[in-house]
Amino acid sequence: MSTIGQKFGSATKKAENMAGNLFTHFKTGPGLVNVAMNRIDHAARSVYEGSDHVFRKEFGYNPGEKLKKTYACYLSITGGPISGTLFISNLRVGFKSDSPVWTGPGSGPGQWVYYKVIMWVNDIGAVNSVANKKNSGEKYIEIVSKDGHEFWFMGFIFYEQALHNLYQVKDNCNAEVVAYPYTGH
């Protein structure tokens, strides 16, 4: 009987975490309708084209590369959070915004572009889980490159899984780098 109770308690905790993450995801965006429409568009594109195809189209193809997972999230920048998708492959981690972002000053010259970040997994120095001290429901994943650039991702619906997969590809890459050093070609 206690095993059933433990399983029920574990399932309840997972459901509570996911509900909290979903609430944070929607709360982080510019508005519930915009966030929901972006998520629907992302899901439809992923189903129609396949996440692997979207990843290759946006970031190119490398021999032996396999897309592991994608996650809806936000990239935190000085202008505020940008809604998009985090792509995790065995070789690279990429982010692409859902919508174009204005690159110029408010009324000056500039252009609308999709915000993209791409990083080789073996260039990642650290993956850190960070919780907001004032609001523990706000959780971030900080990715620090070996040359000191920081990328802050937030608003994950599946935070724990994203963190686990980032740790896993980083650990696997470190193991592979020992056996097969990456030469940059």
Protein backbone atom coordinates (compact mmCIF):
# COMPACT_ATOMS: atom_id res chain seq x y z
CA MET A 1 0.00 0.00 0.00
CA SER A 2 2.81 2.44 0.78
CA THR A 3 4.33 1.81 -2.67
CA ILE A 4 1.08 2.95 -4.31
CA GLY A 5 1.01 5.98 -2.02
CA GLN A 6 4.62 6.82 -2.91
CA LYS A 7 3.91 6.48 -6.64
CA PHE A 8 0.81 8.65 -6.29
CA GLY A 9 2.79 11.23 -4.31
CA SER A 10 5.56 11.23 -6.93
CA ALA A 11 3.04 11.60 -9.78
CA THR A 12 1.30 14.42 -7.90
CA LYS A 13 4.60 16.25 -7.38
CA LYS A 14 5.48 15.89 -11.09
CA ALA A 15 2.06 17.22 -12.09
CA GLU A 16 2.42 20.16 -9.68
CA ASN A 17 5.89 20.95 -11.07
CA MET A 18 4.65 20.82 -14.65
CA ALA A 19 1.63 23.01 -13.85
CA GLY A 20 3.91 25.52 -12.14
CA ASN A 21 6.34 25.44 -15.07
CA LEU A 22 3.47 25.90 -17.54
CA PHE A 23 2.15 28.86 -15.54
CA THR A 24 5.64 30.41 -15.46
CA HIS A 25 6.06 29.80 -19.21
CA PHE A 26 2.83 31.62 -20.06
CA LYS A 27 3.43 34.36 -17.48
CA THR A 28 6.91 35.11 -18.90
CA GLY A 29 5.65 35.91 -22.39
CA PRO A 30 4.13 39.11 -23.80
CA GLY A 31 0.60 37.81 -23.33
CA LEU A 32 -1.28 34.57 -22.96
CA VAL A 33 -2.68 34.64 -26.50
CA ASN A 34 0.71 35.40 -28.13
CA VAL A 35 2.48 32.70 -26.14
CA ALA A 36 -0.25 30.15 -26.84
CA MET A 37 -0.21 30.95 -30.58
CA ASN A 38 3.60 30.64 -30.69
CA ARG A 39 3.42 27.26 -28.93
CA ILE A 40 0.72 26.03 -31.32
CA ASP A 41 2.76 27.23 -34.31
CA HIS A 42 5.89 25.51 -32.95
CA ALA A 43 4.01 22.25 -32.34
CA ALA A 44 2.39 22.33 -35.78
CA ARG A 45 5.74 23.01 -37.49
CA SER A 46 7.42 20.24 -35.52
CA VAL A 47 4.68 17.75 -36.38
CA TYR A 48 4.41 18.80 -40.03
CA GLU A 49 8.12 19.17 -40.83
CA GLY A 50 9.64 17.17 -37.97
CA SER A 51 11.88 18.73 -35.31
CA ASP A 52 14.98 17.25 -36.94
CA HIS A 53 14.14 18.91 -40.27
CA VAL A 54 13.49 22.27 -38.57
CA PHE A 55 16.82 22.00 -36.71
CA ARG A 56 18.76 21.19 -39.91
CA LYS A 57 17.00 23.95 -41.86
CA GLU A 58 17.79 26.56 -39.21
CA PHE A 59 21.29 25.48 -38.13
CA GLY A 60 22.67 23.30 -40.93
CA TYR A 61 23.76 19.69 -40.88
CA ASN A 62 26.88 18.06 -39.48
CA PRO A 63 27.75 14.41 -40.23
CA GLY A 64 26.83 12.18 -37.28
CA GLU A 65 24.65 14.81 -35.64
CA LYS A 66 21.40 13.60 -34.11
CA LEU A 67 18.78 15.86 -32.61
CA LYS A 68 17.96 14.66 -29.10
CA LYS A 69 15.19 16.97 -27.87
CA THR A 70 13.52 20.35 -28.35
CA TYR A 71 12.05 22.54 -25.63
CA ALA A 72 9.83 25.58 -25.67
CA CYS A 73 11.47 28.25 -23.53
CA TYR A 74 12.70 31.84 -23.41
CA LEU A 75 16.17 33.27 -23.86
CA SER A 76 16.79 36.11 -21.45
CA ILE A 77 18.48 39.13 -23.06
CA THR A 78 18.85 42.75 -21.91
CA GLY A 79 15.70 43.74 -23.85
CA GLY A 80 13.63 41.08 -22.08
CA PRO A 81 12.83 37.41 -22.64
CA ILE A 82 12.55 36.07 -26.19
CA SER A 83 10.18 33.16 -26.83
CA GLY A 84 11.65 30.33 -28.84
CA THR A 85 12.83 26.76 -29.04
CA LEU A 86 15.94 25.21 -27.53
CA PHE A 87 17.34 22.41 -29.71
CA ILE A 88 19.69 19.85 -28.11
CA SER A 89 21.68 17.53 -30.36
CA ASN A 90 24.61 15.26 -29.60
CA LEU A 91 26.96 17.92 -31.08
CA ARG A 92 25.32 21.32 -30.64
CA VAL A 93 22.82 23.33 -28.63
CA GLY A 94 20.80 25.91 -30.52
CA PHE A 95 18.05 28.42 -29.86
CA LYS A 96 15.78 30.11 -32.40
CA SER A 97 13.19 32.74 -31.55
CA ASP A 98 9.56 32.11 -32.45
CA SER A 99 9.16 35.60 -33.86
CA PRO A 100 11.50 38.17 -35.41
CA VAL A 101 13.20 40.64 -33.06
CA TRP A 102 13.93 44.31 -33.93
CA THR A 103 17.71 44.84 -34.09
CA GLY A 104 17.90 48.64 -34.15
CA PRO A 105 17.09 51.42 -31.70
CA GLY A 106 13.39 52.15 -31.09
CA SER A 107 12.87 54.49 -34.05
CA GLY A 108 16.25 54.27 -35.80
CA PRO A 109 17.58 52.04 -38.54
CA GLY A 110 17.44 48.32 -38.00
CA GLN A 111 15.69 45.22 -39.19
CA TRP A 112 13.50 42.38 -37.99
CA VAL A 113 15.47 39.14 -37.65
CA TYR A 114 15.01 35.81 -35.94
CA TYR A 115 17.27 35.57 -32.91
CA LYS A 116 19.53 32.52 -33.06
CA VAL A 117 22.19 31.07 -30.81
CA ILE A 118 24.24 28.00 -31.69
CA MET A 119 27.04 26.43 -29.65
CA TRP A 120 29.11 23.27 -30.01
CA VAL A 121 28.51 21.02 -27.01
CA ASN A 122 32.26 20.66 -26.43
CA ASP A 123 32.51 24.48 -26.18
CA ILE A 124 30.16 24.47 -23.19
CA GLY A 125 32.04 25.10 -19.97
CA ALA A 126 29.10 24.71 -17.59
CA VAL A 127 25.39 24.03 -17.38
CA ASN A 128 23.87 25.44 -14.19
CA SER A 129 20.46 25.15 -12.62
CA VAL A 130 19.50 28.46 -10.99
CA ALA A 131 16.36 29.29 -9.01
CA ASN A 132 15.19 32.82 -8.30
CA LYS A 133 15.82 33.41 -4.58
CA LYS A 134 12.67 35.53 -4.26
CA ASN A 135 10.46 33.15 -6.28
CA SER A 136 11.60 29.53 -6.32
CA GLY A 137 9.07 28.79 -9.10
CA GLU A 138 11.21 30.82 -11.49
CA LYS A 139 13.95 28.46 -12.61
CA TYR A 140 16.69 29.18 -15.11
CA ILE A 141 19.25 27.15 -16.98
CA GLU A 142 22.51 29.00 -17.42
CA ILE A 143 24.84 27.76 -20.16
CA VAL A 144 28.34 29.19 -19.95
CA SER A 145 30.71 28.77 -22.87
CA LYS A 146 34.36 27.97 -22.26
CA ASP A 147 35.22 31.50 -23.41
CA GLY A 148 32.90 33.02 -20.77
CA HIS A 149 29.69 33.87 -22.68
CA GLU A 150 26.55 33.29 -20.63
CA PHE A 151 23.15 32.29 -21.97
CA TRP A 152 20.15 32.26 -19.64
CA PHE A 153 17.13 30.16 -20.56
CA MET A 154 13.88 30.28 -18.62
CA GLY A 155 10.18 29.49 -18.75
CA PHE A 156 10.60 25.79 -19.57
CA ILE A 157 7.47 23.68 -19.44
CA PHE A 158 9.69 20.61 -18.95
CA TYR A 159 12.50 22.20 -16.95
CA GLU A 160 13.87 19.08 -15.26
CA GLN A 161 13.99 17.11 -18.52
CA ALA A 162 15.73 19.96 -20.37
CA LEU A 163 18.31 20.26 -17.61
CA HIS A 164 18.84 16.49 -17.56
CA ASN A 165 19.32 16.34 -21.35
CA LEU A 166 21.78 19.25 -21.31
CA TYR A 167 23.80 17.56 -18.55
CA GLN A 168 23.68 14.29 -20.48
CA VAL A 169 24.92 15.66 -23.83
CA LYS A 170 27.63 17.67 -22.07
CA ASP A 171 28.79 14.60 -20.11
CA ASN A 172 28.66 12.39 -23.22
CA CYS A 173 30.58 14.95 -25.24
CA ASN A 174 33.27 15.20 -22.56
CA ALA A 175 33.61 11.40 -22.62
CA GLU A 176 33.77 11.40 -26.44
CA VAL A 177 36.26 14.28 -26.53
CA VAL A 178 38.72 12.21 -24.51
CA ALA A 179 38.52 9.39 -27.04
CA TYR A 180 38.04 11.50 -30.19
CA PRO A 181 39.29 15.09 -29.84
CA TYR A 182 37.24 17.62 -31.79
CA THR A 183 39.52 19.38 -34.29
CA GLY A 184 37.10 22.11 -35.33
CA HIS A 185 36.72 20.90 -38.93
